[in-house]
C-alpha atoms as a PDB file:
ATOM      1  CA  MET A   1      50.949 -52.764  17.900  1.00  0.00           C
ATOM      2  CA  ALA A   2      52.572 -49.698  17.732  1.00  0.00           C
ATOM      3  CA  ARG A   3      52.803 -47.590  21.073  1.00  0.00           C
ATOM      4  CA  PRO A   4      50.466 -44.534  19.551  1.00  0.00           C
ATOM      5  CA  ALA A   5      47.755 -47.221  18.508  1.00  0.00           C
ATOM      6  CA  LEU A   6      47.412 -48.446  21.782  1.00  0.00           C
ATOM      7  CA  GLY A   7      47.207 -45.902  23.785  1.00  0.00           C
ATOM      8  CA  ILE A   8      44.089 -44.834  20.982  1.00  0.00           C
ATOM      9  CA  LEU A   9      42.387 -48.053  21.977  1.00  0.00           C
ATOM     10  CA  VAL A  10      42.760 -47.749  25.409  1.00  0.00           C
ATOM     11  CA  GLY A  11      41.490 -44.181  25.694  1.00  0.00           C
ATOM     12  CA  ILE A  12      38.281 -45.284  23.270  1.00  0.00           C
ATOM     13  CA  LEU A  13      38.162 -48.166  26.035  1.00  0.00           C
ATOM     14  CA  ILE A  14      38.050 -46.001  29.046  1.00  0.00           C
ATOM     15  CA  PHE A  15      35.758 -43.726  26.940  1.00  0.00           C
ATOM     16  CA  ILE A  16      32.936 -47.029  26.578  1.00  0.00           C
ATOM     17  CA  ALA A  17      33.564 -47.735  30.537  1.00  0.00           C
ATOM     18  CA  ALA A  18      32.711 -44.493  31.730  1.00  0.00           C
ATOM     19  CA  GLY A  19      30.034 -43.983  29.221  1.00  0.00           C
ATOM     20  CA  CYS A  20      28.464 -46.978  30.969  1.00  0.00           C
ATOM     21  CA  LEU A  21      29.302 -46.589  34.271  1.00  0.00           C
ATOM     22  CA  ALA A  22      27.367 -43.253  33.419  1.00  0.00           C
ATOM     23  CA  GLY A  23      24.302 -45.011  32.689  1.00  0.00           C
ATOM     24  CA  PHE A  24      24.146 -47.292  35.636  1.00  0.00           C
ATOM     25  CA  TRP A  25      24.715 -44.098  37.534  1.00  0.00           C
ATOM     26  CA  ILE A  26      22.082 -42.483  36.144  1.00  0.00           C
ATOM     27  CA  ALA A  27      19.333 -45.201  36.116  1.00  0.00           C
ATOM     28  CA  LYS A  28      20.565 -45.754  39.453  1.00  0.00           C
ATOM     29  CA  VAL A  29      18.956 -42.004  40.575  1.00  0.00           C
ATOM     30  CA  ARG A  30      16.285 -42.622  38.660  1.00  0.00           C
ATOM     31  CA  ASN A  31      15.537 -45.471  40.216  1.00  0.00           C
ATOM     32  CA  GLU A  32      15.980 -43.955  43.797  1.00  0.00           C
ATOM     33  CA  ARG A  33      14.131 -40.808  43.103  1.00  0.00           C
ATOM     34  CA  GLU A  34      10.922 -42.966  41.680  1.00  0.00           C
ATOM     35  CA  GLN A  35      10.954 -45.011  45.061  1.00  0.00           C
ATOM     36  CA  ARG A  36      11.111 -41.609  47.340  1.00  0.00           C
ATOM     37  CA  LYS A  37       8.358 -40.429  44.963  1.00  0.00           C
ATOM     38  CA  THR A  38       5.951 -43.257  45.695  1.00  0.00           C
ATOM     39  CA  ARG A  39       7.336 -43.524  49.191  1.00  0.00           C
ATOM     40  CA  ILE A  40       6.249 -39.745  49.670  1.00  0.00           C
ATOM     41  CA  ALA A  41       3.047 -39.881  47.933  1.00  0.00           C
ATOM     42  CA  HIS A  42       2.044 -42.530  49.953  1.00  0.00           C
ATOM     43  CA  THR A  43       3.075 -41.242  53.326  1.00  0.00           C
ATOM     44  CA  GLN A  44       0.900 -38.200  52.296  1.00  0.00           C
ATOM     45  CA  VAL A  45      -2.015 -39.952  51.523  1.00  0.00           C
ATOM     46  CA  TYR A  46      -1.675 -41.672  54.992  1.00  0.00           C
ATOM     47  CA  TRP A  47      -1.165 -38.842  56.703  1.00  0.00           C
ATOM     48  CA  HIS A  48      -4.502 -37.011  55.003  1.00  0.00           C
ATOM     49  CA  GLY A  49      -6.883 -39.861  55.065  1.00  0.00           C
ATOM     50  CA  SER A  50      -5.849 -40.286  59.352  1.00  0.00           C
ATOM     51  CA  VAL A  51      -6.666 -36.472  59.824  1.00  0.00           C
ATOM     52  CA  GLY A  52      -9.512 -36.141  58.255  1.00  0.00           C
END
């Protein structure tokens, strides 16, 4: 394989890998945010419920 073609192929593979990692990272951040929202809502319900 010619050197320029190898460079293009490696560049494309790096681009695809970066996209996959970004997708996993975004999914992880969204999941953590949803868990935090659930935990905050659960805590607020119990705090307001126990005060009143």
